[in-house]
N, C-alpha and C. Protein backbone atom coordinates (compact mmCIF):
# COMPACT_ATOMS: atom_id res chain seq x y z
N MET A 1 113.55 98.90 83.67
CA MET A 1 112.84 100.15 83.66
C MET A 1 111.34 99.86 83.69
N LEU A 2 110.62 100.58 84.52
CA LEU A 2 109.18 100.39 84.65
C LEU A 2 108.46 101.34 83.69
N THR A 3 107.60 100.78 82.86
CA THR A 3 106.80 101.58 81.94
C THR A 3 105.33 101.19 82.10
N PHE A 4 104.45 102.06 81.64
CA PHE A 4 103.02 101.81 81.69
C PHE A 4 102.49 101.74 80.27
N GLU A 5 101.70 100.71 79.99
CA GLU A 5 101.13 100.55 78.65
C GLU A 5 100.04 101.58 78.39
N TRP A 6 99.24 101.90 79.40
CA TRP A 6 98.14 102.86 79.25
C TRP A 6 98.26 103.94 80.32
N PRO A 7 99.27 104.82 80.25
CA PRO A 7 99.46 105.81 81.31
C PRO A 7 98.35 106.86 81.36
N TRP A 8 97.61 107.05 80.28
CA TRP A 8 96.56 108.06 80.26
C TRP A 8 95.44 107.75 81.25
N LEU A 9 95.35 106.51 81.74
CA LEU A 9 94.32 106.18 82.73
C LEU A 9 94.55 106.89 84.06
N LEU A 10 95.77 107.34 84.32
CA LEU A 10 96.07 108.04 85.56
C LEU A 10 95.36 109.39 85.64
N VAL A 11 94.83 109.86 84.51
CA VAL A 11 94.04 111.10 84.49
C VAL A 11 92.78 110.92 85.34
N LEU A 12 92.31 109.71 85.49
CA LEU A 12 91.10 109.43 86.27
C LEU A 12 91.35 109.40 87.77
N LEU A 13 92.58 109.58 88.21
CA LEU A 13 92.91 109.49 89.63
C LEU A 13 92.11 110.48 90.49
N PRO A 14 91.95 111.75 90.11
CA PRO A 14 91.19 112.68 90.97
C PRO A 14 89.67 112.55 90.86
N LEU A 15 89.17 111.61 90.10
CA LEU A 15 87.73 111.47 89.90
C LEU A 15 86.94 111.31 91.20
N PRO A 16 87.34 110.48 92.16
CA PRO A 16 86.56 110.39 93.41
C PRO A 16 86.56 111.68 94.21
N ILE A 17 87.67 112.41 94.17
CA ILE A 17 87.74 113.68 94.90
C ILE A 17 86.78 114.69 94.27
N LEU A 18 86.77 114.75 92.94
CA LEU A 18 85.86 115.66 92.25
C LEU A 18 84.40 115.28 92.52
N TYR A 19 84.13 113.98 92.54
CA TYR A 19 82.77 113.53 92.84
C TYR A 19 82.37 113.93 94.26
N ARG A 20 83.26 113.78 95.20
CA ARG A 20 82.97 114.13 96.60
C ARG A 20 82.69 115.64 96.72
N LEU A 21 83.49 116.45 96.04
CA LEU A 21 83.26 117.90 96.07
C LEU A 21 81.92 118.26 95.44
N TRP A 22 81.58 117.61 94.35
CA TRP A 22 80.32 117.88 93.68
C TRP A 22 79.14 117.49 94.57
N ARG A 23 79.24 116.34 95.27
CA ARG A 23 78.17 115.90 96.17
C ARG A 23 78.02 116.85 97.36
N ARG A 24 79.15 117.33 97.87
CA ARG A 24 79.10 118.25 99.01
C ARG A 24 78.40 119.54 98.59
N ARG A 25 78.71 120.02 97.38
CA ARG A 25 78.08 121.25 96.88
C ARG A 25 76.58 121.03 96.67
N ALA A 26 76.21 119.86 96.18
CA ALA A 26 74.80 119.56 95.96
C ALA A 26 74.04 119.47 97.28
N GLU A 27 74.70 119.02 98.35
CA GLU A 27 74.04 118.92 99.65
C GLU A 27 73.82 120.29 100.28
N THR A 28 74.68 121.27 99.98
CA THR A 28 74.55 122.59 100.58
C THR A 28 73.51 123.46 99.87
N LEU A 29 73.14 123.13 98.65
CA LEU A 29 72.13 123.90 97.94
C LEU A 29 70.76 123.68 98.58
N ALA A 30 69.97 124.72 98.60
CA ALA A 30 68.62 124.62 99.16
C ALA A 30 67.76 123.80 98.20
N PRO A 31 66.87 122.99 98.73
CA PRO A 31 66.01 122.20 97.84
C PRO A 31 65.07 123.12 97.06
N ALA A 32 64.79 122.75 95.84
CA ALA A 32 63.91 123.55 95.00
C ALA A 32 62.46 123.42 95.43
N LEU A 33 62.12 122.32 96.07
CA LEU A 33 60.75 122.08 96.48
C LEU A 33 60.77 121.56 97.91
N LYS A 34 60.00 122.21 98.78
CA LYS A 34 59.94 121.77 100.17
C LYS A 34 58.64 121.01 100.37
N ALA A 35 58.77 119.79 100.82
CA ALA A 35 57.59 118.98 101.11
C ALA A 35 57.59 118.67 102.59
N PRO A 36 56.57 119.08 103.33
CA PRO A 36 56.54 118.85 104.77
C PRO A 36 56.60 117.35 105.12
N VAL A 37 56.00 116.53 104.28
CA VAL A 37 56.01 115.09 104.54
C VAL A 37 57.45 114.57 104.48
N TYR A 38 58.21 115.04 103.52
CA TYR A 38 59.59 114.60 103.38
C TYR A 38 60.43 115.02 104.58
N CYS A 39 60.23 116.26 105.04
CA CYS A 39 61.00 116.75 106.20
C CYS A 39 60.69 115.92 107.43
N ALA A 40 59.41 115.57 107.63
CA ALA A 40 59.03 114.76 108.80
C ALA A 40 59.62 113.36 108.69
N LEU A 41 59.58 112.80 107.50
CA LEU A 41 60.14 111.47 107.29
C LEU A 41 61.64 111.46 107.49
N ALA A 42 62.32 112.48 107.01
CA ALA A 42 63.77 112.58 107.18
C ALA A 42 64.14 112.73 108.64
N ALA A 43 63.33 113.44 109.41
CA ALA A 43 63.62 113.61 110.83
C ALA A 43 63.45 112.30 111.59
N GLN A 44 62.48 111.48 111.20
CA GLN A 44 62.26 110.21 111.88
C GLN A 44 63.32 109.17 111.54
N THR A 45 63.83 109.22 110.34
CA THR A 45 64.79 108.20 109.90
C THR A 45 66.20 108.75 109.79
N SER A 46 66.53 109.69 110.62
CA SER A 46 67.86 110.28 110.53
C SER A 46 68.91 109.22 110.87
N VAL A 47 69.95 109.22 110.09
CA VAL A 47 71.04 108.26 110.27
C VAL A 47 72.14 108.95 111.05
N GLU A 48 72.62 108.26 112.05
CA GLU A 48 73.69 108.83 112.87
C GLU A 48 74.99 108.81 112.07
N ARG A 49 75.65 109.94 111.99
CA ARG A 49 76.89 110.04 111.22
C ARG A 49 78.05 109.49 112.04
N ARG A 50 79.02 108.96 111.36
CA ARG A 50 80.20 108.43 112.02
C ARG A 50 81.08 109.56 112.50
N SER A 51 81.98 109.21 113.39
CA SER A 51 82.92 110.23 113.87
C SER A 51 83.86 110.62 112.75
N GLY A 52 84.50 111.75 112.90
CA GLY A 52 85.39 112.27 111.86
C GLY A 52 86.54 111.33 111.54
N TYR A 53 87.07 110.66 112.55
CA TYR A 53 88.21 109.74 112.34
C TYR A 53 87.80 108.59 111.43
N TRP A 54 86.66 107.94 111.72
CA TRP A 54 86.24 106.79 110.94
C TRP A 54 85.86 107.20 109.52
N GLN A 55 85.25 108.35 109.39
CA GLN A 55 84.90 108.82 108.05
C GLN A 55 86.17 109.11 107.24
N TRP A 56 87.15 109.73 107.88
CA TRP A 56 88.42 110.02 107.20
C TRP A 56 89.13 108.72 106.82
N LEU A 57 89.13 107.74 107.72
CA LEU A 57 89.78 106.46 107.45
C LEU A 57 89.10 105.73 106.30
N THR A 58 87.78 105.72 106.29
CA THR A 58 87.03 105.06 105.22
C THR A 58 87.32 105.70 103.87
N LEU A 59 87.28 107.03 103.83
CA LEU A 59 87.55 107.72 102.57
C LEU A 59 88.98 107.49 102.09
N THR A 60 89.92 107.47 103.03
CA THR A 60 91.32 107.24 102.66
C THR A 60 91.50 105.84 102.08
N LEU A 61 90.91 104.84 102.73
CA LEU A 61 91.03 103.47 102.23
C LEU A 61 90.35 103.31 100.87
N LEU A 62 89.22 103.95 100.68
CA LEU A 62 88.56 103.90 99.38
C LEU A 62 89.41 104.55 98.29
N PHE A 63 90.05 105.67 98.63
CA PHE A 63 90.90 106.33 97.64
C PHE A 63 92.13 105.48 97.32
N VAL A 64 92.72 104.85 98.33
CA VAL A 64 93.87 103.97 98.09
C VAL A 64 93.47 102.80 97.20
N ALA A 65 92.28 102.24 97.44
CA ALA A 65 91.79 101.15 96.59
C ALA A 65 91.58 101.63 95.16
N TRP A 66 91.03 102.83 95.00
CA TRP A 66 90.83 103.41 93.67
C TRP A 66 92.17 103.62 92.97
N ALA A 67 93.14 104.16 93.69
CA ALA A 67 94.46 104.41 93.10
C ALA A 67 95.13 103.09 92.72
N GLY A 68 95.00 102.07 93.55
CA GLY A 68 95.58 100.77 93.23
C GLY A 68 94.94 100.13 92.01
N THR A 69 93.63 100.27 91.91
CA THR A 69 92.92 99.74 90.75
C THR A 69 93.37 100.45 89.48
N LEU A 70 93.47 101.76 89.55
CA LEU A 70 93.93 102.51 88.37
C LEU A 70 95.37 102.16 88.01
N LEU A 71 96.21 102.03 89.01
CA LEU A 71 97.60 101.68 88.75
C LEU A 71 97.70 100.31 88.08
N ALA A 72 96.90 99.37 88.53
CA ALA A 72 96.91 98.04 87.91
C ALA A 72 96.36 98.10 86.48
N ALA A 73 95.38 98.97 86.25
CA ALA A 73 94.77 99.08 84.92
C ALA A 73 95.71 99.72 83.90
N THR A 74 96.72 100.46 84.35
CA THR A 74 97.66 101.08 83.41
C THR A 74 98.63 100.06 82.83
N ARG A 75 98.56 98.83 83.28
CA ARG A 75 99.41 97.72 82.81
C ARG A 75 100.89 98.04 82.96
N PRO A 76 101.37 98.11 84.21
CA PRO A 76 102.80 98.35 84.40
C PRO A 76 103.62 97.17 83.87
N THR A 77 104.72 97.49 83.21
CA THR A 77 105.57 96.48 82.60
C THR A 77 107.02 96.78 82.96
N TRP A 78 107.72 95.75 83.40
CA TRP A 78 109.14 95.91 83.70
C TRP A 78 109.94 95.50 82.48
N ILE A 79 110.67 96.45 81.92
CA ILE A 79 111.49 96.18 80.75
C ILE A 79 112.94 96.17 81.20
N GLY A 80 113.56 95.02 81.11
CA GLY A 80 114.94 94.87 81.54
C GLY A 80 115.88 94.80 80.35
N ASP A 81 117.10 94.45 80.64
CA ASP A 81 118.09 94.29 79.58
C ASP A 81 117.69 93.10 78.70
N PRO A 82 117.97 93.19 77.41
CA PRO A 82 117.62 92.08 76.53
C PRO A 82 118.40 90.82 76.89
N VAL A 83 117.73 89.70 76.80
CA VAL A 83 118.35 88.41 77.09
C VAL A 83 118.63 87.73 75.77
N THR A 84 119.88 87.37 75.57
CA THR A 84 120.23 86.68 74.33
C THR A 84 119.97 85.19 74.51
N LEU A 85 119.22 84.63 73.59
CA LEU A 85 118.92 83.21 73.61
C LEU A 85 119.78 82.51 72.57
N PRO A 86 120.23 81.32 72.89
CA PRO A 86 121.06 80.60 71.92
C PRO A 86 120.25 80.27 70.67
N SER A 87 120.86 80.46 69.52
CA SER A 87 120.15 80.21 68.27
C SER A 87 120.64 78.94 67.58
N SER A 88 121.65 78.31 68.11
CA SER A 88 122.20 77.12 67.45
C SER A 88 121.91 75.87 68.28
N GLY A 89 120.67 75.57 68.46
CA GLY A 89 120.31 74.37 69.21
C GLY A 89 119.27 73.57 68.46
N ARG A 90 118.87 72.51 69.07
CA ARG A 90 117.86 71.65 68.46
C ARG A 90 116.56 71.77 69.25
N ASP A 91 115.48 71.46 68.57
CA ASP A 91 114.17 71.39 69.22
C ASP A 91 113.87 69.92 69.48
N LEU A 92 113.73 69.56 70.75
CA LEU A 92 113.50 68.17 71.12
C LEU A 92 112.23 68.05 71.95
N LEU A 93 111.34 67.16 71.54
CA LEU A 93 110.16 66.84 72.31
C LEU A 93 110.35 65.45 72.89
N ILE A 94 110.23 65.33 74.20
CA ILE A 94 110.40 64.05 74.88
C ILE A 94 109.02 63.50 75.18
N ALA A 95 108.76 62.28 74.76
CA ALA A 95 107.47 61.63 75.01
C ALA A 95 107.65 60.61 76.13
N VAL A 96 106.80 60.71 77.15
CA VAL A 96 106.88 59.81 78.31
C VAL A 96 105.54 59.12 78.49
N ASP A 97 105.60 57.80 78.62
CA ASP A 97 104.40 56.99 78.86
C ASP A 97 104.02 57.08 80.33
N ILE A 98 102.77 57.44 80.60
CA ILE A 98 102.31 57.52 82.00
C ILE A 98 101.14 56.57 82.23
N SER A 99 101.00 55.57 81.38
CA SER A 99 99.91 54.61 81.53
C SER A 99 100.14 53.73 82.75
N GLY A 100 99.18 52.89 83.03
CA GLY A 100 99.26 52.01 84.20
C GLY A 100 100.42 51.05 84.16
N SER A 101 100.90 50.71 82.97
CA SER A 101 102.03 49.76 82.87
C SER A 101 103.32 50.34 83.45
N MET A 102 103.39 51.65 83.61
CA MET A 102 104.60 52.28 84.15
C MET A 102 104.69 52.12 85.67
N LYS A 103 103.66 51.56 86.30
CA LYS A 103 103.70 51.33 87.74
C LYS A 103 104.35 49.99 88.10
N GLN A 104 104.70 49.22 87.10
CA GLN A 104 105.37 47.93 87.34
C GLN A 104 106.72 48.16 88.01
N THR A 105 106.99 47.44 89.06
CA THR A 105 108.28 47.57 89.77
C THR A 105 109.22 46.47 89.31
N ASP A 106 109.63 46.55 88.05
CA ASP A 106 110.53 45.55 87.49
C ASP A 106 111.87 46.15 87.06
N MET A 107 112.21 47.32 87.56
CA MET A 107 113.47 47.99 87.22
C MET A 107 114.28 48.17 88.50
N ARG A 108 115.59 48.35 88.30
CA ARG A 108 116.47 48.58 89.44
C ARG A 108 117.19 49.91 89.22
N LEU A 109 117.21 50.71 90.28
CA LEU A 109 117.88 52.01 90.24
C LEU A 109 118.71 52.12 91.51
N GLU A 110 120.02 52.19 91.34
CA GLU A 110 120.96 52.26 92.46
C GLU A 110 120.75 51.10 93.43
N GLY A 111 120.55 49.90 92.87
CA GLY A 111 120.41 48.70 93.68
C GLY A 111 119.06 48.54 94.33
N GLU A 112 118.10 49.37 93.99
CA GLU A 112 116.78 49.34 94.61
C GLU A 112 115.73 49.02 93.56
N SER A 113 114.74 48.24 93.91
CA SER A 113 113.67 47.90 92.99
C SER A 113 112.66 49.06 92.95
N VAL A 114 112.48 49.64 91.76
CA VAL A 114 111.59 50.80 91.61
C VAL A 114 110.69 50.60 90.40
N ASP A 115 109.66 51.44 90.29
CA ASP A 115 108.76 51.34 89.14
C ASP A 115 109.39 52.00 87.92
N ARG A 116 108.82 51.72 86.78
CA ARG A 116 109.38 52.19 85.50
C ARG A 116 109.36 53.72 85.40
N LEU A 117 108.31 54.34 85.90
CA LEU A 117 108.19 55.80 85.80
C LEU A 117 109.30 56.51 86.57
N THR A 118 109.68 55.98 87.71
CA THR A 118 110.78 56.56 88.49
C THR A 118 112.08 56.51 87.70
N VAL A 119 112.33 55.39 87.02
CA VAL A 119 113.54 55.27 86.20
C VAL A 119 113.50 56.26 85.05
N VAL A 120 112.34 56.40 84.41
CA VAL A 120 112.21 57.35 83.30
C VAL A 120 112.48 58.77 83.79
N LYS A 121 111.94 59.14 84.95
CA LYS A 121 112.18 60.48 85.50
C LYS A 121 113.66 60.71 85.73
N GLN A 122 114.36 59.73 86.25
CA GLN A 122 115.79 59.85 86.51
C GLN A 122 116.57 60.03 85.20
N VAL A 123 116.28 59.19 84.22
CA VAL A 123 117.01 59.23 82.95
C VAL A 123 116.71 60.53 82.20
N VAL A 124 115.45 60.94 82.16
CA VAL A 124 115.09 62.18 81.46
C VAL A 124 115.69 63.38 82.17
N GLY A 125 115.71 63.38 83.50
CA GLY A 125 116.33 64.48 84.24
C GLY A 125 117.80 64.65 83.91
N GLU A 126 118.53 63.54 83.85
CA GLU A 126 119.96 63.61 83.49
C GLU A 126 120.13 64.07 82.05
N PHE A 127 119.25 63.61 81.15
CA PHE A 127 119.32 64.00 79.74
C PHE A 127 119.09 65.50 79.59
N VAL A 128 118.10 66.03 80.30
CA VAL A 128 117.76 67.46 80.21
C VAL A 128 118.91 68.32 80.71
N GLU A 129 119.59 67.89 81.78
CA GLU A 129 120.71 68.67 82.31
C GLU A 129 121.85 68.78 81.31
N ARG A 130 122.03 67.79 80.46
CA ARG A 130 123.13 67.80 79.49
C ARG A 130 122.80 68.56 78.21
N ARG A 131 121.55 68.90 77.97
CA ARG A 131 121.15 69.54 76.72
C ARG A 131 121.15 71.05 76.84
N GLN A 132 122.30 71.65 76.88
CA GLN A 132 122.43 73.11 76.93
C GLN A 132 122.26 73.69 75.53
N GLY A 133 121.47 74.76 75.41
CA GLY A 133 121.28 75.42 74.12
C GLY A 133 120.15 74.83 73.29
N ASP A 134 119.53 73.77 73.75
CA ASP A 134 118.43 73.15 73.01
C ASP A 134 117.10 73.54 73.65
N ARG A 135 116.08 73.63 72.81
CA ARG A 135 114.73 73.82 73.35
C ARG A 135 114.12 72.45 73.57
N LEU A 136 113.58 72.25 74.76
CA LEU A 136 113.01 70.96 75.10
C LEU A 136 111.53 71.10 75.42
N GLY A 137 110.78 70.06 75.09
CA GLY A 137 109.36 70.01 75.41
C GLY A 137 109.03 68.63 75.94
N LEU A 138 107.86 68.50 76.56
CA LEU A 138 107.47 67.23 77.16
C LEU A 138 106.05 66.87 76.76
N ILE A 139 105.91 65.66 76.22
CA ILE A 139 104.60 65.11 75.88
C ILE A 139 104.37 63.90 76.77
N LEU A 140 103.25 63.90 77.48
CA LEU A 140 102.87 62.76 78.31
C LEU A 140 101.75 62.03 77.61
N PHE A 141 101.79 60.70 77.65
CA PHE A 141 100.71 59.95 77.03
C PHE A 141 100.37 58.73 77.86
N GLY A 142 99.10 58.44 77.89
CA GLY A 142 98.58 57.24 78.54
C GLY A 142 97.55 56.70 77.57
N THR A 143 96.29 57.05 77.80
CA THR A 143 95.26 56.72 76.81
C THR A 143 95.21 57.77 75.71
N ARG A 144 95.62 59.01 76.06
CA ARG A 144 95.67 60.11 75.09
C ARG A 144 96.95 60.90 75.32
N PRO A 145 97.46 61.56 74.27
CA PRO A 145 98.67 62.38 74.46
C PRO A 145 98.31 63.77 75.00
N TYR A 146 99.20 64.32 75.85
CA TYR A 146 99.04 65.66 76.42
C TYR A 146 100.35 66.40 76.28
N LEU A 147 100.29 67.61 75.74
CA LEU A 147 101.48 68.45 75.70
C LEU A 147 101.63 69.08 77.08
N GLN A 148 102.54 68.56 77.87
CA GLN A 148 102.74 69.05 79.23
C GLN A 148 103.54 70.34 79.23
N THR A 149 104.63 70.38 78.45
CA THR A 149 105.49 71.56 78.38
C THR A 149 105.83 71.83 76.91
N PRO A 150 105.45 72.98 76.37
CA PRO A 150 105.85 73.29 74.99
C PRO A 150 107.35 73.55 74.92
N LEU A 151 107.86 73.65 73.73
CA LEU A 151 109.30 73.86 73.55
C LEU A 151 109.74 75.13 74.28
N THR A 152 110.80 75.00 75.08
CA THR A 152 111.28 76.12 75.87
C THR A 152 112.76 75.93 76.19
N PHE A 153 113.43 77.06 76.45
CA PHE A 153 114.82 77.01 76.92
C PHE A 153 114.88 76.85 78.44
N ASP A 154 113.77 77.06 79.11
CA ASP A 154 113.71 77.02 80.57
C ASP A 154 113.82 75.59 81.07
N ARG A 155 114.87 75.30 81.82
CA ARG A 155 115.10 73.94 82.32
C ARG A 155 114.31 73.65 83.60
N GLN A 156 113.78 74.67 84.25
CA GLN A 156 113.06 74.46 85.50
C GLN A 156 111.63 73.97 85.26
N THR A 157 111.13 74.09 84.04
CA THR A 157 109.76 73.64 83.77
C THR A 157 109.74 72.17 83.56
């Protein structure tokens, strides 16, 4: 089910339309003060207006952008069925050495000479596949330790 965290922001949706109507009304009112210099300057620097199609297209795209921004600001959230997580597992953090010594090709995997890190990846991958119901995490260390993956049930991480 789709819900909005801040649905009251949708009240702002007609704001550009109201602004456009207010500007149009302000343009039709007669100026309170007529200055001949201003009229002459305005006549010399008149800007050619776009055709109706391009003006309509521009306003439509601006309104769609405004509506999209407001929709994103309402923080839409998809609430689905609850997912039951296993509660009877262990929390395991796996520490893997990634220092330069792991590049040594002194191990054999399926009859092939490979580096130590490749063997560790293979062994850890098989171990992770067998640990159903456990939360697993990964710590990598070389000169310093790094928490690569915090404890999670997600096996794809």
